[in-house]
N, C-alpha and C. Protein backbone atom coordinates (compact mmCIF):
# COMPACT_ATOMS: atom_id res chain seq x y z
N MET A 1 -15.39 -23.04 -3.06
CA MET A 1 -14.23 -22.80 -3.91
C MET A 1 -12.98 -23.23 -3.16
N LYS A 2 -12.10 -23.93 -3.84
CA LYS A 2 -10.89 -24.44 -3.19
C LYS A 2 -9.89 -23.32 -2.91
N ASP A 3 -9.07 -23.53 -1.89
CA ASP A 3 -8.11 -22.52 -1.44
C ASP A 3 -6.69 -22.79 -1.92
N ARG A 4 -6.51 -23.77 -2.81
CA ARG A 4 -5.17 -24.12 -3.32
C ARG A 4 -5.23 -24.29 -4.83
N PHE A 5 -4.19 -23.78 -5.50
CA PHE A 5 -4.11 -23.88 -6.96
C PHE A 5 -2.73 -24.43 -7.30
N PRO A 6 -2.65 -25.61 -7.94
CA PRO A 6 -1.33 -26.17 -8.28
C PRO A 6 -0.66 -25.39 -9.42
N VAL A 7 0.62 -25.12 -9.24
CA VAL A 7 1.40 -24.40 -10.26
C VAL A 7 2.79 -25.01 -10.39
N SER A 8 3.43 -24.70 -11.51
CA SER A 8 4.83 -25.04 -11.74
C SER A 8 5.58 -23.74 -11.97
N VAL A 9 6.86 -23.74 -11.67
CA VAL A 9 7.69 -22.53 -11.77
C VAL A 9 8.86 -22.82 -12.71
N ILE A 10 9.15 -21.85 -13.59
CA ILE A 10 10.31 -21.96 -14.47
C ILE A 10 11.40 -21.04 -13.93
N ILE A 11 12.55 -21.63 -13.64
CA ILE A 11 13.72 -20.89 -13.15
C ILE A 11 14.79 -20.94 -14.24
N GLU A 12 15.40 -19.78 -14.49
CA GLU A 12 16.44 -19.70 -15.53
C GLU A 12 17.79 -19.36 -14.91
N ARG A 13 18.80 -20.05 -15.41
CA ARG A 13 20.18 -19.77 -15.02
C ARG A 13 20.90 -19.23 -16.24
N ARG A 14 21.47 -18.03 -16.10
CA ARG A 14 22.25 -17.43 -17.20
C ARG A 14 23.72 -17.59 -16.88
N LEU A 15 24.44 -18.07 -17.86
CA LEU A 15 25.88 -18.29 -17.73
C LEU A 15 26.63 -17.22 -18.52
N TYR A 16 27.83 -16.90 -18.07
CA TYR A 16 28.67 -15.93 -18.76
C TYR A 16 30.05 -16.56 -18.97
N PRO A 17 30.15 -17.54 -19.89
CA PRO A 17 31.41 -18.28 -20.05
C PRO A 17 32.58 -17.42 -20.55
N ASP A 18 32.30 -16.37 -21.31
CA ASP A 18 33.37 -15.53 -21.84
C ASP A 18 33.72 -14.36 -20.92
N LYS A 19 33.06 -14.29 -19.77
CA LYS A 19 33.33 -13.21 -18.80
C LYS A 19 33.60 -13.83 -17.45
N ALA A 20 34.84 -14.15 -17.20
CA ALA A 20 35.22 -14.87 -15.98
C ALA A 20 34.90 -14.10 -14.70
N TRP A 21 34.81 -12.79 -14.76
CA TRP A 21 34.57 -11.97 -13.57
C TRP A 21 33.09 -11.91 -13.20
N MET A 22 32.21 -12.44 -14.06
CA MET A 22 30.77 -12.39 -13.77
C MET A 22 30.28 -13.73 -13.24
N LEU A 23 29.41 -13.67 -12.23
CA LEU A 23 28.80 -14.87 -11.68
C LEU A 23 27.56 -15.23 -12.48
N ASP A 24 27.16 -16.49 -12.40
CA ASP A 24 25.91 -16.91 -13.02
C ASP A 24 24.77 -16.13 -12.37
N SER A 25 23.74 -15.82 -13.15
CA SER A 25 22.57 -15.16 -12.59
C SER A 25 21.37 -16.08 -12.70
N TRP A 26 20.52 -16.02 -11.70
CA TRP A 26 19.33 -16.86 -11.61
C TRP A 26 18.10 -15.97 -11.53
N SER A 27 17.00 -16.42 -12.13
CA SER A 27 15.74 -15.68 -12.00
C SER A 27 14.57 -16.61 -12.29
N ALA A 28 13.42 -16.25 -11.71
CA ALA A 28 12.18 -16.94 -12.03
C ALA A 28 11.62 -16.25 -13.28
N VAL A 29 11.27 -17.03 -14.30
CA VAL A 29 10.81 -16.43 -15.55
C VAL A 29 9.37 -16.79 -15.90
N GLY A 30 8.74 -17.69 -15.13
CA GLY A 30 7.37 -18.04 -15.45
C GLY A 30 6.71 -18.88 -14.38
N VAL A 31 5.39 -18.71 -14.28
CA VAL A 31 4.55 -19.54 -13.43
C VAL A 31 3.45 -20.08 -14.32
N LEU A 32 3.26 -21.39 -14.27
CA LEU A 32 2.29 -22.06 -15.13
C LEU A 32 1.28 -22.83 -14.29
N PRO A 33 0.00 -22.80 -14.67
CA PRO A 33 -0.97 -23.67 -13.99
C PRO A 33 -0.55 -25.13 -14.20
N ALA A 34 -0.73 -25.94 -13.18
CA ALA A 34 -0.32 -27.35 -13.26
C ALA A 34 -1.53 -28.25 -13.11
N GLU A 35 -1.44 -29.40 -13.72
CA GLU A 35 -2.51 -30.38 -13.63
C GLU A 35 -2.34 -31.26 -12.39
N THR A 36 -1.09 -31.45 -11.96
CA THR A 36 -0.83 -32.32 -10.83
C THR A 36 -1.19 -31.65 -9.52
N GLN A 37 -1.49 -32.46 -8.54
CA GLN A 37 -1.79 -31.93 -7.21
C GLN A 37 -0.50 -31.49 -6.53
N CYS A 38 -0.65 -30.71 -5.50
CA CYS A 38 0.50 -30.19 -4.75
C CYS A 38 1.08 -31.33 -3.92
N SER A 39 2.13 -31.90 -4.40
CA SER A 39 2.77 -33.00 -3.67
C SER A 39 4.26 -32.74 -3.63
N GLY A 40 5.05 -33.76 -3.80
CA GLY A 40 6.49 -33.58 -3.76
C GLY A 40 6.99 -32.73 -4.91
N VAL A 41 8.02 -31.93 -4.64
CA VAL A 41 8.61 -31.05 -5.63
C VAL A 41 9.60 -31.83 -6.49
N SER A 42 9.53 -31.59 -7.80
CA SER A 42 10.49 -32.20 -8.70
C SER A 42 11.06 -31.13 -9.62
N CYS A 43 12.25 -31.38 -10.14
CA CYS A 43 12.92 -30.42 -11.02
C CYS A 43 13.38 -31.14 -12.28
N THR A 44 13.10 -30.51 -13.44
CA THR A 44 13.49 -31.06 -14.73
C THR A 44 14.11 -29.96 -15.57
N SER A 45 15.22 -30.24 -16.22
CA SER A 45 15.81 -29.29 -17.16
C SER A 45 14.96 -29.33 -18.43
N ILE A 46 14.45 -28.16 -18.85
CA ILE A 46 13.55 -28.13 -20.01
C ILE A 46 14.15 -27.41 -21.22
N TYR A 47 15.25 -26.68 -21.01
CA TYR A 47 15.84 -25.93 -22.12
C TYR A 47 17.30 -25.68 -21.78
N GLN A 48 18.16 -25.84 -22.77
CA GLN A 48 19.57 -25.61 -22.51
C GLN A 48 20.27 -25.15 -23.78
N ARG A 49 21.13 -24.16 -23.60
CA ARG A 49 22.05 -23.74 -24.66
C ARG A 49 23.32 -23.25 -23.99
N ASP A 50 24.26 -22.73 -24.76
CA ASP A 50 25.57 -22.38 -24.21
C ASP A 50 25.52 -21.38 -23.06
N ASP A 51 24.63 -20.39 -23.15
CA ASP A 51 24.64 -19.32 -22.15
C ASP A 51 23.45 -19.34 -21.19
N SER A 52 22.57 -20.33 -21.27
CA SER A 52 21.45 -20.39 -20.32
C SER A 52 20.86 -21.79 -20.24
N GLU A 53 20.16 -22.00 -19.13
CA GLU A 53 19.43 -23.25 -18.92
C GLU A 53 18.18 -22.93 -18.12
N GLN A 54 17.08 -23.59 -18.46
CA GLN A 54 15.83 -23.39 -17.74
C GLN A 54 15.40 -24.70 -17.09
N PHE A 55 14.84 -24.56 -15.88
CA PHE A 55 14.40 -25.70 -15.10
C PHE A 55 12.92 -25.55 -14.77
N LEU A 56 12.17 -26.64 -14.86
CA LEU A 56 10.75 -26.65 -14.49
C LEU A 56 10.63 -27.30 -13.13
N TYR A 57 10.17 -26.52 -12.16
CA TYR A 57 9.92 -27.02 -10.81
C TYR A 57 8.43 -27.29 -10.68
N GLN A 58 8.06 -28.53 -10.40
CA GLN A 58 6.67 -28.92 -10.28
C GLN A 58 6.35 -29.29 -8.84
N GLY A 59 5.06 -29.21 -8.49
CA GLY A 59 4.62 -29.63 -7.17
C GLY A 59 4.33 -28.49 -6.21
N TYR A 60 4.23 -27.26 -6.71
CA TYR A 60 3.94 -26.11 -5.86
C TYR A 60 2.45 -25.79 -5.89
N CYS A 61 1.99 -25.10 -4.86
CA CYS A 61 0.60 -24.65 -4.80
C CYS A 61 0.56 -23.20 -4.33
N ILE A 62 -0.35 -22.46 -4.91
CA ILE A 62 -0.65 -21.13 -4.37
C ILE A 62 -1.78 -21.37 -3.38
N GLU A 63 -1.58 -20.96 -2.14
CA GLU A 63 -2.62 -21.12 -1.12
C GLU A 63 -3.17 -19.76 -0.74
N LEU A 64 -4.48 -19.72 -0.50
CA LEU A 64 -5.13 -18.49 -0.09
C LEU A 64 -5.61 -18.62 1.35
N PHE A 65 -5.44 -17.56 2.12
CA PHE A 65 -5.82 -17.54 3.53
C PHE A 65 -6.71 -16.34 3.79
N ALA A 66 -7.72 -16.54 4.61
CA ALA A 66 -8.72 -15.50 4.88
C ALA A 66 -8.08 -14.22 5.43
N ASP A 67 -7.06 -14.34 6.27
CA ASP A 67 -6.47 -13.13 6.86
C ASP A 67 -5.60 -12.35 5.87
N ASP A 68 -5.36 -12.88 4.68
CA ASP A 68 -4.63 -12.16 3.63
C ASP A 68 -5.55 -11.65 2.52
N ALA A 69 -6.85 -11.76 2.72
CA ALA A 69 -7.81 -11.39 1.66
C ALA A 69 -7.63 -9.95 1.18
N GLU A 70 -7.37 -9.03 2.09
CA GLU A 70 -7.18 -7.64 1.69
C GLU A 70 -5.93 -7.48 0.81
N SER A 71 -4.89 -8.24 1.10
CA SER A 71 -3.67 -8.20 0.29
C SER A 71 -3.92 -8.76 -1.12
N TYR A 72 -4.71 -9.82 -1.23
CA TYR A 72 -5.04 -10.36 -2.55
C TYR A 72 -5.87 -9.35 -3.35
N TYR A 73 -6.79 -8.69 -2.65
CA TYR A 73 -7.62 -7.67 -3.31
C TYR A 73 -6.75 -6.53 -3.83
N ALA A 74 -5.82 -6.07 -3.00
CA ALA A 74 -4.91 -4.99 -3.41
C ALA A 74 -4.07 -5.42 -4.61
N ASN A 75 -3.63 -6.66 -4.63
CA ASN A 75 -2.84 -7.17 -5.75
C ASN A 75 -3.68 -7.16 -7.03
N LEU A 76 -4.90 -7.67 -6.97
CA LEU A 76 -5.74 -7.75 -8.17
C LEU A 76 -6.14 -6.38 -8.70
N THR A 77 -6.31 -5.41 -7.82
CA THR A 77 -6.76 -4.08 -8.26
C THR A 77 -5.60 -3.12 -8.51
N GLY A 78 -4.38 -3.59 -8.31
CA GLY A 78 -3.20 -2.75 -8.54
C GLY A 78 -2.91 -2.59 -10.02
N ARG A 79 -1.92 -1.78 -10.32
CA ARG A 79 -1.54 -1.49 -11.71
C ARG A 79 -1.07 -2.74 -12.44
N ASN A 80 -0.22 -3.53 -11.81
CA ASN A 80 0.32 -4.75 -12.43
C ASN A 80 0.12 -5.94 -11.48
N PRO A 81 -1.04 -6.59 -11.54
CA PRO A 81 -1.25 -7.75 -10.66
C PRO A 81 -0.16 -8.79 -10.91
N GLY A 82 0.34 -9.38 -9.83
CA GLY A 82 1.44 -10.32 -10.00
C GLY A 82 1.35 -11.52 -9.09
N VAL A 83 2.07 -12.54 -9.48
CA VAL A 83 2.29 -13.71 -8.65
C VAL A 83 3.76 -13.64 -8.23
N PHE A 84 4.04 -13.94 -6.98
CA PHE A 84 5.38 -13.75 -6.43
C PHE A 84 6.02 -15.10 -6.12
N VAL A 85 7.20 -15.30 -6.67
CA VAL A 85 7.94 -16.53 -6.44
C VAL A 85 9.06 -16.20 -5.45
N VAL A 86 8.96 -16.77 -4.26
CA VAL A 86 9.97 -16.59 -3.22
C VAL A 86 10.94 -17.75 -3.36
N CYS A 87 12.23 -17.43 -3.43
CA CYS A 87 13.25 -18.46 -3.68
C CYS A 87 14.24 -18.54 -2.54
N GLU A 88 14.98 -19.63 -2.53
CA GLU A 88 16.09 -19.79 -1.59
C GLU A 88 17.34 -20.11 -2.40
N GLN A 89 18.44 -19.53 -1.97
CA GLN A 89 19.72 -19.73 -2.65
C GLN A 89 20.49 -20.81 -1.93
N GLU A 90 20.80 -21.88 -2.64
CA GLU A 90 21.61 -22.96 -2.09
C GLU A 90 23.06 -22.59 -2.30
N GLU A 91 23.73 -22.17 -1.25
CA GLU A 91 25.11 -21.69 -1.35
C GLU A 91 26.07 -22.77 -1.82
N GLU A 92 26.01 -23.94 -1.21
CA GLU A 92 26.99 -24.98 -1.55
C GLU A 92 26.80 -25.50 -2.96
N GLU A 93 25.56 -25.51 -3.46
CA GLU A 93 25.31 -25.99 -4.81
C GLU A 93 25.19 -24.86 -5.83
N GLU A 94 25.16 -23.62 -5.35
CA GLU A 94 24.96 -22.44 -6.19
C GLU A 94 23.72 -22.59 -7.07
N VAL A 95 22.61 -22.96 -6.44
CA VAL A 95 21.35 -23.18 -7.13
C VAL A 95 20.27 -22.32 -6.49
N LEU A 96 19.38 -21.79 -7.31
CA LEU A 96 18.22 -21.03 -6.82
C LEU A 96 17.00 -21.93 -6.96
N ARG A 97 16.29 -22.14 -5.85
CA ARG A 97 15.10 -23.00 -5.86
C ARG A 97 13.90 -22.22 -5.35
N PRO A 98 12.72 -22.44 -5.94
CA PRO A 98 11.52 -21.82 -5.39
C PRO A 98 11.22 -22.36 -4.00
N LEU A 99 10.86 -21.47 -3.12
CA LEU A 99 10.47 -21.84 -1.76
C LEU A 99 8.95 -21.87 -1.66
N LEU A 100 8.31 -20.83 -2.20
CA LEU A 100 6.86 -20.78 -2.24
C LEU A 100 6.39 -19.81 -3.32
N VAL A 101 5.12 -19.94 -3.69
CA VAL A 101 4.49 -19.07 -4.68
C VAL A 101 3.29 -18.45 -3.99
N THR A 102 3.18 -17.12 -4.03
CA THR A 102 2.12 -16.43 -3.31
C THR A 102 1.53 -15.30 -4.15
N LEU A 103 0.33 -14.90 -3.78
CA LEU A 103 -0.32 -13.74 -4.39
C LEU A 103 -0.44 -12.59 -3.38
N SER A 104 0.10 -12.77 -2.20
CA SER A 104 -0.03 -11.80 -1.12
C SER A 104 1.11 -10.79 -1.13
N TYR A 105 0.76 -9.51 -1.22
CA TYR A 105 1.76 -8.45 -1.11
C TYR A 105 2.45 -8.52 0.25
N ASP A 106 1.66 -8.75 1.30
CA ASP A 106 2.21 -8.75 2.65
C ASP A 106 3.23 -9.87 2.84
N GLU A 107 2.90 -11.06 2.37
CA GLU A 107 3.83 -12.19 2.50
C GLU A 107 5.10 -11.94 1.68
N MET A 108 4.92 -11.44 0.46
CA MET A 108 6.06 -11.13 -0.40
C MET A 108 6.97 -10.09 0.27
N ALA A 109 6.39 -9.05 0.83
CA ALA A 109 7.16 -7.98 1.46
C ALA A 109 7.94 -8.49 2.67
N SER A 110 7.36 -9.43 3.42
CA SER A 110 8.06 -9.95 4.60
C SER A 110 9.33 -10.71 4.20
N TYR A 111 9.31 -11.36 3.04
CA TYR A 111 10.52 -12.04 2.58
C TYR A 111 11.54 -11.05 2.01
N ILE A 112 11.08 -10.02 1.35
CA ILE A 112 12.00 -9.01 0.81
C ILE A 112 12.74 -8.30 1.95
N GLU A 113 12.05 -8.08 3.07
CA GLU A 113 12.66 -7.39 4.21
C GLU A 113 13.88 -8.13 4.76
N VAL A 114 13.92 -9.44 4.59
CA VAL A 114 15.06 -10.22 5.10
C VAL A 114 15.97 -10.68 3.97
N ASP A 115 15.93 -9.94 2.84
CA ASP A 115 16.81 -10.16 1.69
C ASP A 115 16.69 -11.54 1.04
N THR A 116 15.49 -12.08 1.04
CA THR A 116 15.23 -13.34 0.34
C THR A 116 14.90 -12.99 -1.11
N PRO A 117 15.43 -13.71 -2.09
CA PRO A 117 15.10 -13.40 -3.48
C PRO A 117 13.61 -13.63 -3.77
N VAL A 118 12.96 -12.60 -4.30
CA VAL A 118 11.54 -12.67 -4.67
C VAL A 118 11.40 -12.13 -6.08
N PHE A 119 10.66 -12.86 -6.92
CA PHE A 119 10.45 -12.46 -8.31
C PHE A 119 8.96 -12.25 -8.54
N GLY A 120 8.60 -11.08 -9.07
CA GLY A 120 7.22 -10.78 -9.43
C GLY A 120 6.99 -11.09 -10.90
N LEU A 121 5.98 -11.90 -11.17
CA LEU A 121 5.67 -12.31 -12.54
C LEU A 121 4.20 -12.07 -12.82
N PRO A 122 3.82 -11.96 -14.10
CA PRO A 122 2.40 -11.80 -14.42
C PRO A 122 1.59 -13.02 -13.97
N ILE A 123 0.37 -12.77 -13.54
CA ILE A 123 -0.51 -13.86 -13.11
C ILE A 123 -1.07 -14.56 -14.35
N PRO A 124 -0.92 -15.87 -14.45
CA PRO A 124 -1.54 -16.59 -15.57
C PRO A 124 -3.07 -16.44 -15.51
N PRO A 125 -3.75 -16.28 -16.65
CA PRO A 125 -5.21 -16.05 -16.64
C PRO A 125 -6.02 -17.05 -15.80
N PRO A 126 -5.75 -18.36 -15.84
CA PRO A 126 -6.56 -19.26 -14.99
C PRO A 126 -6.37 -18.99 -13.49
N VAL A 127 -5.16 -18.62 -13.09
CA VAL A 127 -4.89 -18.30 -11.69
C VAL A 127 -5.60 -17.00 -11.32
N TYR A 128 -5.57 -16.02 -12.22
CA TYR A 128 -6.25 -14.75 -11.98
C TYR A 128 -7.75 -14.97 -11.77
N GLN A 129 -8.36 -15.76 -12.63
CA GLN A 129 -9.80 -16.03 -12.51
C GLN A 129 -10.12 -16.74 -11.20
N TRP A 130 -9.26 -17.67 -10.82
CA TRP A 130 -9.47 -18.41 -9.58
C TRP A 130 -9.39 -17.48 -8.37
N VAL A 131 -8.34 -16.66 -8.29
CA VAL A 131 -8.19 -15.79 -7.12
C VAL A 131 -9.25 -14.69 -7.12
N GLU A 132 -9.63 -14.21 -8.30
CA GLU A 132 -10.69 -13.21 -8.38
C GLU A 132 -12.00 -13.77 -7.81
N GLY A 133 -12.35 -14.99 -8.18
CA GLY A 133 -13.55 -15.63 -7.64
C GLY A 133 -13.46 -15.81 -6.14
N TRP A 134 -12.29 -16.19 -5.64
CA TRP A 134 -12.09 -16.38 -4.21
C TRP A 134 -12.24 -15.05 -3.47
N VAL A 135 -11.65 -13.99 -4.01
CA VAL A 135 -11.72 -12.68 -3.36
C VAL A 135 -13.17 -12.19 -3.34
N LEU A 136 -13.89 -12.34 -4.45
CA LEU A 136 -15.29 -11.91 -4.48
C LEU A 136 -16.13 -12.67 -3.46
N GLU A 137 -15.79 -13.91 -3.23
CA GLU A 137 -16.55 -14.74 -2.30
C GLU A 137 -16.16 -14.50 -0.85
N ASN A 138 -14.90 -14.17 -0.59
CA ASN A 138 -14.39 -14.15 0.78
C ASN A 138 -13.98 -12.79 1.34
N TYR A 139 -13.79 -11.79 0.51
CA TYR A 139 -13.28 -10.50 1.00
C TYR A 139 -14.41 -9.51 1.23
N ARG A 140 -14.45 -8.97 2.41
CA ARG A 140 -15.38 -7.89 2.75
C ARG A 140 -14.56 -6.73 3.28
N PRO A 141 -14.50 -5.63 2.51
CA PRO A 141 -13.68 -4.50 2.98
C PRO A 141 -14.24 -3.93 4.29
N GLU A 142 -13.33 -3.50 5.13
CA GLU A 142 -13.75 -2.86 6.38
C GLU A 142 -14.27 -1.47 6.06
N LYS A 143 -15.32 -1.10 6.76
CA LYS A 143 -15.87 0.24 6.56
C LYS A 143 -14.88 1.25 7.10
N LYS A 144 -14.69 2.31 6.31
CA LYS A 144 -13.80 3.38 6.73
C LYS A 144 -14.58 4.33 7.64
N HIS A 145 -14.00 4.64 8.77
CA HIS A 145 -14.64 5.55 9.70
C HIS A 145 -13.87 6.85 9.70
N LYS A 146 -14.60 7.94 9.58
CA LYS A 146 -13.95 9.24 9.63
C LYS A 146 -13.54 9.51 11.07
N ARG A 147 -12.35 9.98 11.22
CA ARG A 147 -11.85 10.27 12.55
C ARG A 147 -12.57 11.49 13.10
N VAL A 148 -13.03 11.39 14.31
CA VAL A 148 -13.71 12.50 14.96
C VAL A 148 -12.69 13.20 15.85
N ARG A 149 -12.53 14.48 15.61
CA ARG A 149 -11.58 15.24 16.42
C ARG A 149 -12.17 15.57 17.78
N GLN A 150 -11.30 15.56 18.76
CA GLN A 150 -11.73 15.92 20.10
C GLN A 150 -11.95 17.41 20.17
N LYS A 151 -12.99 17.79 20.82
CA LYS A 151 -13.23 19.23 21.05
C LYS A 151 -12.59 19.59 22.37
N TRP A 152 -11.80 20.64 22.30
CA TRP A 152 -11.11 21.08 23.49
C TRP A 152 -11.90 22.21 24.14
N ALA A 153 -12.13 22.09 25.39
CA ALA A 153 -12.78 23.17 26.13
C ALA A 153 -11.75 24.27 26.35
N ASP A 154 -12.21 25.50 26.41
CA ASP A 154 -11.30 26.64 26.56
C ASP A 154 -10.44 26.53 27.82
N GLU A 155 -10.96 25.91 28.86
CA GLU A 155 -10.20 25.83 30.12
C GLU A 155 -9.09 24.78 30.07
N THR A 156 -9.16 23.82 29.18
CA THR A 156 -8.18 22.74 29.20
C THR A 156 -6.86 23.12 28.55
N TRP A 157 -6.85 24.08 27.66
CA TRP A 157 -5.61 24.45 26.99
C TRP A 157 -5.22 25.87 27.38
N LYS A 158 -4.00 25.99 27.85
CA LYS A 158 -3.50 27.31 28.23
C LYS A 158 -2.10 27.43 27.65
N PRO A 159 -1.78 28.58 27.08
CA PRO A 159 -0.44 28.75 26.52
C PRO A 159 0.61 28.72 27.61
N LEU A 160 1.78 28.27 27.26
CA LEU A 160 2.88 28.23 28.22
C LEU A 160 3.44 29.62 28.48
N ARG A 161 3.35 30.50 27.50
CA ARG A 161 3.87 31.85 27.64
C ARG A 161 2.77 32.85 27.33
N ARG A 162 3.00 34.02 27.78
CA ARG A 162 2.05 35.08 27.46
C ARG A 162 2.42 35.62 26.09
N PRO A 163 1.45 35.95 25.30
CA PRO A 163 1.74 36.54 23.98
C PRO A 163 2.53 37.84 24.14
N VAL A 164 3.34 38.16 23.14
CA VAL A 164 4.16 39.37 23.16
C VAL A 164 3.25 40.60 23.12
N GLY A 165 3.57 41.55 23.94
CA GLY A 165 2.83 42.80 23.94
C GLY A 165 1.66 42.80 24.91
N ARG A 166 1.52 41.81 25.71
CA ARG A 166 0.40 41.80 26.67
C ARG A 166 0.88 41.84 28.07
């Protein structure tokens, strides 16, 4: 089973022309399975009206790594399985661009910790089926071991003070 799945990302820019005090807002609104291989990234405007515009970013891949298998498993078995779009904000151009697309909670959390914009979106069914097959093939949960408490011999522990009344 392959470890890469090509996807495209839809980024939306909301404009507030009648509210001069508000800045434009950006968000990832969709992840789509792609037919093209993961190569150079391209951007196309796919929808536009007075208060918003959507861009299709193509050329991204979701990659799976063996050391993140437990994170993928946790994502799939969680309440709302998601695909995470990590973005970068271009300050000089005031543009939000996808940096990477991941299914790993751990990778997503590491970007959130450094205040990088991350958007959680529903996993498209073909991507879900692909990662589910990969997890079933590659993930082996570690056996949980019950912690064994140390037995203390009576001579090893002595109170620092004498009990009251003795």
